């Protein structure tokens, strides 16, 4: 009993470290976490006083708690039981699969990452690439929105810059939650996107259990008052045209909506347009025979583009890519819409999707490049005087119909000069002896920019 036991020094040190960690975990770390959590909550409270649409408690809930709530939701449990009965798969296996889906979908919002870094980075990048402008803005309509409502911004999808641009412009109003495709599930982008409150979705998945988990998360976030941004078109427009509504996320929101509850859902139509879409050539090249994406670009092309822009800055030849403009339309109350539109639920969902796309189309701003592209596509060739005459007539027609046209410096002649210069710089138009004509090699690009406002007539 009195024998001496010898152990290596490294083992004694290791045991001491484990003991120290255990003591810290039980005594000190809870107090430290409580202290920082208290300071974080106070910071969020101060932030909420500055935001028009406050950050809701649901968005601040710990990710692990949200995942547990999601996988133990009665709807998910019923879906697991149904699939187990139909397929013969053990419920435990399906429950593990549902948990994997939940971990994939549920974000981990960080107010510091969003407002401390992402919003500032979005502002810097947007202003570095474009002259950013706000077109229409229904301030009176937004002021009437019940602060308890869940606000969902619905917008057309022109570019991956949409995420950046709208994050920047909306950062003084709220923190937006986006649905992001699988393209962004790469390290380290995945963690950063989750910290901004975005959630990942498999757009092409038809797995019923996955769809059920995704639908319940969207419904829980909507019930929790999370401000969201949705692209009803589903993906980027590859032709430039405003697309039809894909009803996936919208149907989840509407099917989980309680019209008799205290919280309304308010949709805000948002229209975006650019004088130059960064991915325009890639998007045009991606149009397959069956409409499937066939992207030929990759990280190498992105790095070459960045390297070229840096070189232009170093040599003093850098120019921004024209104007980027965002317009916000009149808010649409879901309670009010359902009360005035009768029919089966699926019919109401389809009608709302079509109406929201029409509302988005109405507020898509007319920019110099799209304006000149539409004129030249129709005319084929014109003198500068002819282009200016056609532009003045179209701008007047748009104004009479309530369509917003961004006129730089409030000078229509200057707007025409901007559009012509940008299209000529990219060899989309060619000028000879004062006559501008379409370069047939780049006719698709001209059509792409004209299509951005083709729905406006």
Protein backbone atom coordinates (compact mmCIF):
# COMPACT_ATOMS: atom_id res chain seq x y z
CA UNK A 1 0.00 0.00 0.00
CA UNK A 2 2.94 2.34 0.63
CA UNK A 3 4.63 1.58 -2.69
CA UNK A 4 5.66 4.54 -4.83
CA UNK A 5 4.19 4.78 -8.30
CA UNK A 6 6.26 6.61 -10.85
CA UNK A 7 4.69 8.30 -13.89
CA UNK A 8 6.35 10.28 -16.68
CA UNK A 9 6.51 14.03 -16.28
CA UNK A 10 4.63 14.57 -19.55
CA UNK A 11 1.74 12.44 -18.27
CA UNK A 12 1.60 14.40 -15.00
CA UNK A 13 1.58 17.68 -16.94
CA UNK A 14 -1.15 16.39 -19.25
CA UNK A 15 -3.28 15.24 -16.30
CA UNK A 16 -2.83 18.64 -14.68
CA UNK A 17 -3.94 20.40 -17.84
CA UNK A 18 -7.04 18.23 -18.07
CA UNK A 19 -7.84 19.00 -14.44
CA UNK A 20 -7.37 22.72 -15.05
CA UNK A 21 -9.67 22.63 -18.10
CA UNK A 22 -12.30 20.79 -16.05
CA UNK A 23 -12.14 23.40 -13.28
CA UNK A 24 -12.35 26.25 -15.80
CA UNK A 25 -15.25 24.59 -17.59
CA UNK A 26 -17.25 24.12 -14.39
CA UNK A 27 -16.41 27.32 -12.52
CA UNK A 28 -14.91 30.07 -14.63
CA UNK A 29 -16.10 29.63 -18.22
CA UNK A 30 -19.84 29.80 -17.43
CA UNK A 31 -19.27 33.17 -15.77
CA UNK A 32 -17.20 34.38 -18.71
CA UNK A 33 -19.85 33.23 -21.20
CA UNK A 34 -22.55 34.92 -19.13
CA UNK A 35 -20.53 38.16 -19.04
CA UNK A 36 -19.96 38.28 -22.80
CA UNK A 37 -23.53 37.18 -23.53
CA UNK A 38 -24.82 40.06 -21.39
CA UNK A 39 -22.62 42.55 -23.22
CA UNK A 40 -23.70 41.08 -26.58
CA UNK A 41 -27.39 41.42 -25.68
CA UNK A 42 -26.87 45.05 -24.70
CA UNK A 43 -25.08 45.70 -28.01
CA UNK A 44 -27.99 44.14 -29.94
CA UNK A 45 -30.47 46.26 -27.95
CA UNK A 46 -28.57 49.42 -28.92
CA UNK A 47 -28.40 48.24 -32.53
CA UNK A 48 -32.15 47.57 -32.61
CA UNK A 49 -32.86 51.18 -31.64
CA UNK A 50 -31.21 52.25 -34.91
CA UNK A 51 -32.89 49.67 -37.17
CA UNK A 52 -36.32 50.09 -38.70
CA UNK A 53 -36.82 46.29 -38.71
CA UNK A 54 -35.38 44.94 -35.48
CA UNK A 55 -33.33 41.76 -35.09
CA UNK A 56 -35.75 39.22 -33.64
CA UNK A 57 -34.87 36.79 -30.81
CA UNK A 58 -35.25 33.83 -33.18
CA UNK A 59 -32.30 35.09 -35.24
CA UNK A 60 -30.14 35.30 -32.10
CA UNK A 61 -31.02 31.83 -30.82
CA UNK A 62 -28.06 29.46 -30.61
CA UNK A 63 -27.72 27.27 -33.69
CA UNK A 64 -27.73 24.02 -31.71
CA UNK A 65 -31.03 24.99 -30.07
CA UNK A 66 -32.59 25.79 -33.46
CA UNK A 67 -31.44 22.45 -34.88
CA UNK A 68 -32.92 20.58 -31.90
CA UNK A 69 -36.21 22.47 -32.25
CA UNK A 70 -36.33 21.72 -35.95
CA UNK A 71 -35.66 17.98 -35.84
CA UNK A 72 -38.12 17.51 -32.94
CA UNK A 73 -40.84 19.51 -34.67
CA UNK A 74 -44.09 17.46 -34.87
CA UNK A 75 -44.28 17.95 -38.66
CA UNK A 76 -40.76 16.57 -39.12
CA UNK A 77 -41.46 13.64 -36.78
CA UNK A 78 -44.62 12.84 -38.77
CA UNK A 79 -42.69 13.00 -42.06
CA UNK A 80 -40.07 10.60 -40.66
CA UNK A 81 -42.77 8.15 -39.53
CA UNK A 82 -44.51 8.31 -42.91
CA UNK A 83 -41.33 7.72 -44.92
CA UNK A 84 -40.31 4.88 -42.57
CA UNK A 85 -43.66 3.19 -43.18
CA UNK A 86 -43.54 3.67 -46.95
CA UNK A 87 -39.89 2.79 -47.56
CA UNK A 88 -39.20 0.34 -44.74
CA UNK A 89 -36.20 2.41 -43.61
CA UNK A 90 -35.70 2.40 -39.81
CA UNK A 91 -36.94 5.66 -38.21
CA UNK A 92 -33.56 6.08 -36.47
CA UNK A 93 -31.80 6.22 -39.85
CA UNK A 94 -34.29 8.78 -41.18
CA UNK A 95 -34.00 10.85 -37.99
CA UNK A 96 -30.23 10.98 -38.44
CA UNK A 97 -30.74 12.04 -42.05
CA UNK A 98 -33.17 14.78 -40.98
CA UNK A 99 -30.62 16.01 -38.44
CA UNK A 100 -27.98 16.15 -41.16
CA UNK A 101 -30.33 18.21 -43.33
CA UNK A 102 -31.04 20.54 -40.40
CA UNK A 103 -27.33 21.09 -39.71
CA UNK A 104 -26.86 21.87 -43.40
CA UNK A 105 -29.71 24.41 -43.52
CA UNK A 106 -29.74 26.24 -40.17
CA UNK A 107 -27.46 29.33 -40.08
CA UNK A 108 -25.46 30.78 -37.21
CA UNK A 109 -26.15 34.52 -37.22
CA UNK A 110 -23.50 36.86 -35.85
CA UNK A 111 -24.48 40.51 -35.46
CA UNK A 112 -20.78 41.39 -35.31
CA UNK A 113 -20.01 39.57 -38.58
CA UNK A 114 -23.04 41.11 -40.30
CA UNK A 115 -22.87 44.73 -39.16
CA UNK A 116 -19.22 44.89 -38.15
CA UNK A 117 -17.79 43.42 -41.32
CA UNK A 118 -20.26 42.22 -44.00
CA UNK A 119 -22.29 45.44 -44.29
CA UNK A 120 -19.13 47.56 -44.46
CA UNK A 121 -17.49 45.21 -46.97
CA UNK A 122 -20.69 45.22 -49.05
CA UNK A 123 -20.70 49.01 -49.07
CA UNK A 124 -17.03 49.21 -50.09
CA UNK A 125 -17.38 46.60 -52.84
CA UNK A 126 -20.61 48.06 -54.23
CA UNK A 127 -19.23 51.59 -54.39
CA UNK A 128 -15.91 50.38 -55.80
CA UNK A 129 -17.59 48.61 -58.71
CA UNK A 130 -20.61 50.83 -59.39
CA UNK A 131 -22.17 54.22 -58.92
CA UNK A 132 -24.90 53.00 -56.59
CA UNK A 133 -28.27 54.74 -56.66
CA UNK A 134 -31.68 54.21 -55.06
CA UNK A 135 -34.56 54.70 -57.48
CA UNK A 136 -38.12 54.47 -56.22
CA UNK A 137 -38.65 54.14 -52.48
CA UNK A 138 -42.11 53.94 -50.96
CA UNK A 139 -41.24 55.48 -47.60
CA UNK A 140 -44.90 56.10 -46.73
CA UNK A 141 -45.79 52.46 -47.40
CA UNK A 142 -42.84 51.16 -45.37
CA UNK A 143 -43.74 53.48 -42.48
CA UNK A 144 -47.19 51.87 -42.31
CA UNK A 145 -45.81 48.34 -41.93
CA UNK A 146 -46.56 46.91 -38.48
CA UNK A 147 -43.22 46.54 -36.62
CA UNK A 148 -44.42 43.09 -35.52
CA UNK A 149 -44.71 41.92 -39.13
CA UNK A 150 -42.27 39.62 -40.89
CA UNK A 151 -40.88 41.53 -43.88
CA UNK A 152 -39.83 39.57 -46.96
CA UNK A 153 -38.00 41.45 -49.73
CA UNK A 154 -38.77 39.79 -53.10
CA UNK A 155 -36.47 40.77 -55.96
CA UNK A 156 -35.34 39.97 -59.46
CA UNK A 157 -32.02 38.14 -59.77
CA UNK A 158 -29.58 39.77 -62.19
CA UNK A 159 -26.20 39.05 -60.64
CA UNK A 160 -24.46 37.53 -57.64
CA UNK A 161 -23.78 41.16 -56.77
CA UNK A 162 -27.48 41.34 -55.81
CA UNK A 163 -26.64 39.82 -52.41
CA UNK A 164 -23.92 42.40 -51.82
CA UNK A 165 -25.83 45.40 -53.14
CA UNK A 166 -29.06 44.78 -51.23
CA UNK A 167 -27.15 43.90 -48.03
CA UNK A 168 -25.44 47.29 -48.26
CA UNK A 169 -28.61 49.28 -49.02
CA UNK A 170 -30.75 47.49 -46.41
CA UNK A 171 -28.15 47.45 -43.62
CA UNK A 172 -29.58 50.62 -42.06
CA UNK A 173 -33.03 49.01 -41.90
CA UNK A 174 -32.39 45.40 -40.87
CA UNK A 175 -30.27 42.26 -41.20
CA UNK A 176 -31.46 40.15 -44.13
CA UNK A 177 -31.59 36.36 -44.27
CA UNK A 178 -30.95 34.91 -47.75
CA UNK A 179 -31.44 31.46 -49.24
CA UNK A 180 -28.10 30.59 -50.86
CA UNK A 181 -27.46 27.80 -53.35
CA UNK A 182 -24.98 24.96 -52.98
CA UNK A 183 -22.32 26.90 -54.93
CA UNK A 184 -21.37 28.71 -51.71
CA UNK A 185 -20.84 25.57 -49.60
CA UNK A 186 -17.05 25.78 -49.75
CA UNK A 187 -14.53 26.60 -47.04
CA UNK A 188 -14.16 29.31 -45.74
CA UNK A 189 -17.10 30.95 -47.51
CA UNK A 190 -19.62 28.57 -45.97
CA UNK A 191 -18.96 29.60 -42.36
CA UNK A 192 -18.96 33.29 -43.19
CA UNK A 193 -22.26 33.08 -45.08
CA UNK A 194 -23.85 31.20 -42.18
CA UNK A 195 -22.65 33.89 -39.77
CA UNK A 196 -24.56 36.45 -41.87
CA UNK A 197 -27.80 34.56 -41.22
CA UNK A 198 -28.07 32.97 -44.69
CA UNK A 199 -29.19 29.38 -45.07
CA UNK A 200 -28.19 26.88 -47.74
CA UNK A 201 -30.67 25.08 -49.97
CA UNK A 202 -30.42 22.29 -52.53
CA UNK A 203 -32.41 23.87 -55.33
CA UNK A 204 -32.72 20.68 -57.37
CA UNK A 205 -33.45 18.25 -54.54
CA UNK A 206 -36.78 16.42 -54.74
CA UNK A 207 -36.23 14.41 -51.55
CA UNK A 208 -39.51 14.70 -49.57
CA UNK A 209 -37.81 14.60 -46.16
CA UNK A 210 -35.29 17.27 -47.16
CA UNK A 211 -38.07 19.47 -48.53
CA UNK A 212 -40.03 19.02 -45.31
CA UNK A 213 -37.05 20.06 -43.14
CA UNK A 214 -36.37 23.08 -45.37
CA UNK A 215 -40.04 24.11 -45.36
CA UNK A 216 -40.29 23.90 -41.57
CA UNK A 217 -37.13 25.98 -41.11
CA UNK A 218 -38.46 28.70 -43.44
CA UNK A 219 -41.80 28.63 -41.62
CA UNK A 220 -40.16 28.80 -38.18
CA UNK A 221 -38.02 31.76 -39.28
CA UNK A 222 -41.08 33.51 -40.71
CA UNK A 223 -43.07 32.85 -37.54
CA UNK A 224 -40.11 34.24 -35.58
CA UNK A 225 -40.20 37.54 -37.49
CA UNK A 226 -36.89 37.09 -39.36
CA UNK A 227 -36.51 39.64 -42.18
CA UNK A 228 -35.81 37.71 -45.37
CA UNK A 229 -34.74 38.32 -48.97
CA UNK A 230 -36.09 35.96 -51.63
CA UNK A 231 -35.46 35.65 -55.37
CA UNK A 232 -38.74 34.28 -56.76
CA UNK A 233 -37.08 33.49 -60.11
CA UNK A 234 -35.03 30.85 -58.28
CA UNK A 235 -31.75 31.56 -60.08
CA UNK A 236 -29.89 34.12 -62.15
CA UNK A 237 -31.55 35.26 -65.37
CA UNK A 238 -29.46 33.83 -68.22
CA UNK A 239 -31.20 35.82 -70.94
CA UNK A 240 -31.66 39.12 -69.10
CA UNK A 241 -35.44 38.74 -69.14
CA UNK A 242 -37.49 38.97 -65.96
CA UNK A 243 -38.44 35.35 -65.29
CA UNK A 244 -41.52 33.64 -63.95
CA UNK A 245 -41.97 32.97 -60.26
CA UNK A 246 -40.80 29.62 -58.91
CA UNK A 247 -43.07 29.05 -55.95
CA UNK A 248 -40.89 26.91 -53.65
CA UNK A 249 -39.96 29.30 -50.85
CA UNK A 250 -43.08 31.41 -51.32
CA UNK A 251 -45.27 28.32 -50.94
CA UNK A 252 -43.45 27.36 -47.71
CA UNK A 253 -44.09 30.83 -46.27
CA UNK A 254 -47.76 30.91 -47.27
CA UNK A 255 -48.56 27.33 -46.24
CA UNK A 256 -47.15 27.96 -42.77
CA UNK A 257 -48.92 31.30 -42.39
CA UNK A 258 -51.67 31.76 -39.80
CA UNK A 259 -54.04 34.40 -41.18
CA UNK A 260 -55.70 34.71 -37.76
CA UNK A 261 -52.41 35.17 -35.89
CA UNK A 262 -50.93 38.38 -34.54
CA UNK A 263 -48.00 38.49 -36.97
CA UNK A 264 -48.52 39.47 -40.60
CA UNK A 265 -46.12 38.77 -43.47
CA UNK A 266 -45.36 41.77 -45.69
CA UNK A 267 -43.73 41.36 -49.10
CA UNK A 268 -41.68 44.29 -50.43
CA UNK A 269 -41.02 44.17 -54.22
CA UNK A 270 -37.46 45.12 -55.15
CA UNK A 271 -36.20 45.83 -58.68
CA UNK A 272 -32.47 45.80 -59.52
CA UNK A 273 -30.63 46.76 -62.67
CA UNK A 274 -26.99 47.25 -63.68
CA UNK A 275 -25.23 49.04 -66.50
CA UNK A 276 -22.92 46.05 -66.51
CA UNK A 277 -23.54 42.62 -65.00
CA UNK A 278 -20.20 41.11 -64.04
CA UNK A 279 -21.21 37.61 -65.15
CA UNK A 280 -23.03 38.59 -68.37
CA UNK A 281 -20.89 36.55 -70.77
CA UNK A 282 -20.80 33.58 -68.39
CA UNK A 283 -24.58 33.62 -68.06
CA UNK A 284 -25.09 33.78 -71.82
CA UNK A 285 -22.66 30.91 -72.33
CA UNK A 286 -24.54 28.88 -69.69
CA UNK A 287 -27.77 28.72 -71.66
CA UNK A 288 -28.07 25.05 -72.63
CA UNK A 289 -30.41 23.56 -75.19
CA UNK A 290 -32.72 22.41 -72.40
CA UNK A 291 -32.25 25.48 -70.24
CA UNK A 292 -29.81 23.75 -67.93
CA UNK A 293 -26.78 25.68 -66.67
CA UNK A 294 -23.49 24.83 -68.37
CA UNK A 295 -21.07 27.21 -66.70
CA UNK A 296 -17.63 27.20 -68.29
CA UNK A 297 -16.15 29.65 -65.81
CA UNK A 298 -14.34 28.76 -62.62
CA UNK A 299 -12.05 30.11 -59.90
CA UNK A 300 -9.31 30.72 -62.48
CA UNK A 301 -11.50 33.08 -64.48
CA UNK A 302 -12.51 34.94 -61.32
CA UNK A 303 -8.87 35.36 -60.27
CA UNK A 304 -7.92 36.59 -63.74
CA UNK A 305 -10.75 39.14 -63.60
CA UNK A 306 -9.62 40.38 -60.15
CA UNK A 307 -5.99 40.54 -61.30
CA UNK A 308 -6.99 42.58 -64.36
CA UNK A 309 -9.02 45.04 -62.25
CA UNK A 310 -6.10 45.48 -59.84
CA UNK A 311 -3.79 46.15 -62.76
CA UNK A 312 -6.19 48.77 -64.13
CA UNK A 313 -6.21 50.48 -60.73
CA UNK A 314 -2.42 50.46 -60.52
CA UNK A 315 -2.08 51.94 -64.01
CA UNK A 316 -4.80 54.53 -63.40
CA UNK A 317 -7.06 53.12 -66.15
CA UNK A 318 -9.76 51.74 -63.89
CA UNK A 319 -13.35 52.85 -64.44
CA UNK A 320 -16.38 51.73 -62.51
CA UNK A 321 -18.94 49.61 -64.34
CA UNK A 322 -21.55 52.32 -64.69
CA UNK A 323 -24.64 52.58 -62.49
CA UNK A 324 -26.32 50.04 -60.25
CA UNK A 325 -29.81 51.02 -59.16
CA UNK A 326 -32.32 49.50 -56.73
CA UNK A 327 -36.00 50.45 -56.40
CA UNK A 328 -38.38 49.46 -53.60
CA UNK A 329 -42.08 49.10 -54.41
CA UNK A 330 -45.26 49.24 -52.34
CA UNK A 331 -45.47 46.61 -49.55
CA UNK A 332 -48.01 43.79 -49.97
CA UNK A 333 -49.70 42.41 -46.84
CA UNK A 334 -50.22 38.64 -46.96
CA UNK A 335 -53.25 38.90 -44.68
CA UNK A 336 -54.79 41.53 -46.92
CA UNK A 337 -53.97 39.59 -50.09
CA UNK A 338 -55.50 36.31 -48.90
CA UNK A 339 -58.61 38.16 -47.68
CA UNK A 340 -59.24 39.65 -51.13
CA UNK A 341 -58.28 36.65 -53.30
CA UNK A 342 -60.51 33.62 -53.06
CA UNK A 343 -59.78 30.10 -54.25
CA UNK A 344 -57.82 27.04 -53.21
CA UNK A 345 -54.54 27.59 -51.41
CA UNK A 346 -52.44 26.45 -54.38
CA UNK A 347 -54.32 28.90 -56.61
CA UNK A 348 -53.70 31.73 -54.13
CA UNK A 349 -49.99 30.87 -54.01
CA UNK A 350 -49.69 30.89 -57.82
CA UNK A 351 -51.63 34.16 -58.08
CA UNK A 352 -49.49 35.83 -55.43
CA UNK A 353 -46.28 34.66 -57.13
CA UNK A 354 -47.42 36.12 -60.46
CA UNK A 355 -48.56 39.37 -58.85
CA UNK A 356 -45.29 39.79 -56.96
CA UNK A 357 -43.26 39.26 -60.15
CA UNK A 358 -45.44 41.87 -61.86
CA UNK A 359 -44.82 44.27 -58.96
CA UNK A 360 -41.08 43.62 -59.18
CA UNK A 361 -41.17 44.28 -62.92
CA UNK A 362 -42.87 47.63 -62.40
CA UNK A 363 -40.02 48.93 -60.21
CA UNK A 364 -37.05 47.63 -62.24
CA UNK A 365 -35.18 50.90 -62.98
CA UNK A 366 -34.27 51.96 -66.51
CA UNK A 367 -30.51 52.64 -66.72
CA UNK A 368 -28.48 54.23 -69.55
CA UNK A 369 -27.10 50.96 -70.97
CA UNK A 370 -30.45 49.17 -71.00
CA UNK A 371 -32.13 52.21 -72.54
CA UNK A 372 -29.61 52.54 -75.39
CA UNK A 373 -29.47 48.75 -75.89
CA UNK A 374 -33.24 48.57 -76.39
CA UNK A 375 -33.15 51.47 -78.88
CA UNK A 376 -30.24 50.09 -80.90
CA UNK A 377 -31.63 46.55 -80.94
CA UNK A 378 -34.75 47.91 -82.61
CA UNK A 379 -33.06 50.41 -84.93
CA UNK A 380 -29.89 48.54 -85.91
CA UNK A 381 -27.99 51.74 -86.68
CA UNK A 382 -28.52 55.40 -85.77
CA UNK A 383 -26.67 58.68 -85.54
CA UNK A 384 -26.09 60.12 -82.09
CA UNK A 385 -28.85 62.68 -82.74
CA UNK A 386 -31.19 59.85 -83.70
CA UNK A 387 -30.31 57.92 -80.55
CA UNK A 388 -30.93 60.98 -78.38
CA UNK A 389 -34.29 61.67 -80.02
CA UNK A 390 -35.44 58.08 -79.46
CA UNK A 391 -34.14 58.14 -75.85
CA UNK A 392 -36.00 61.37 -75.03
CA UNK A 393 -39.25 59.91 -76.37
CA UNK A 394 -38.85 56.68 -74.37
CA UNK A 395 -37.94 58.44 -71.14
CA UNK A 396 -41.02 60.65 -71.50
CA UNK A 397 -43.19 57.59 -72.15
CA UNK A 398 -41.75 55.79 -69.11
CA UNK A 399 -42.37 58.83 -66.91
CA UNK A 400 -46.00 59.05 -68.02
CA UNK A 401 -46.49 55.40 -67.06
CA UNK A 402 -44.78 55.77 -63.67
CA UNK A 403 -41.63 53.84 -64.66
CA UNK A 404 -38.45 55.10 -62.98
CA UNK A 405 -35.54 56.04 -65.26
CA UNK A 406 -32.24 56.96 -63.68
CA UNK A 407 -30.96 60.06 -65.46
CA UNK A 408 -27.38 60.87 -64.33
CA UNK A 409 -26.99 64.54 -63.41
CA UNK A 410 -30.65 64.93 -64.45
CA UNK A 411 -29.34 65.42 -67.97
CA UNK A 412 -30.92 63.16 -70.62
CA UNK A 413 -28.22 63.94 -73.20
CA UNK A 414 -25.54 62.93 -70.68
CA UNK A 415 -27.44 59.70 -69.95
CA UNK A 416 -27.34 58.85 -73.66
CA UNK A 417 -23.61 59.63 -73.78
CA UNK A 418 -23.01 57.30 -70.81
CA UNK A 419 -24.93 54.43 -72.41
CA UNK A 420 -23.26 54.84 -75.80
CA UNK A 421 -19.80 55.10 -74.26
CA UNK A 422 -20.17 51.93 -72.20
CA UNK A 423 -21.55 49.88 -75.09
CA UNK A 424 -18.84 51.18 -77.42
CA UNK A 425 -16.08 50.44 -74.88
CA UNK A 426 -17.20 46.79 -74.77
CA UNK A 427 -17.43 46.58 -78.58
CA UNK A 428 -21.17 45.92 -78.40
CA UNK A 429 -21.73 48.99 -80.56
CA UNK A 430 -19.32 50.34 -83.17
CA UNK A 431 -19.20 53.91 -84.42
CA UNK A 432 -18.17 54.98 -87.90
CA UNK A 433 -18.61 58.45 -89.43
CA UNK A 434 -20.99 59.45 -86.63
CA UNK A 435 -23.24 56.40 -87.11
CA UNK A 436 -23.60 53.83 -84.34
CA UNK A 437 -24.31 50.24 -85.37
CA UNK A 438 -24.68 46.88 -83.65
CA UNK A 439 -21.56 44.70 -83.61
CA UNK A 440 -22.96 41.32 -84.72
CA UNK A 441 -20.28 39.47 -82.74
CA UNK A 442 -21.77 40.87 -79.52
CA UNK A 443 -25.44 41.05 -80.51
CA UNK A 444 -26.35 38.58 -77.72
CA UNK A 445 -24.91 40.98 -75.14
CA UNK A 446 -26.95 43.84 -76.58
CA UNK A 447 -30.08 41.67 -76.37
CA UNK A 448 -29.19 40.71 -72.80
CA UNK A 449 -29.17 44.35 -71.63
CA UNK A 450 -32.24 45.28 -73.67
CA UNK A 451 -34.11 42.33 -72.16
CA UNK A 452 -33.66 43.81 -68.66
CA UNK A 453 -36.39 46.35 -69.44
CA UNK A 454 -38.23 44.53 -72.25
CA UNK A 455 -41.18 43.82 -69.93
CA UNK A 456 -41.71 47.57 -69.54
CA UNK A 457 -42.72 47.88 -73.20
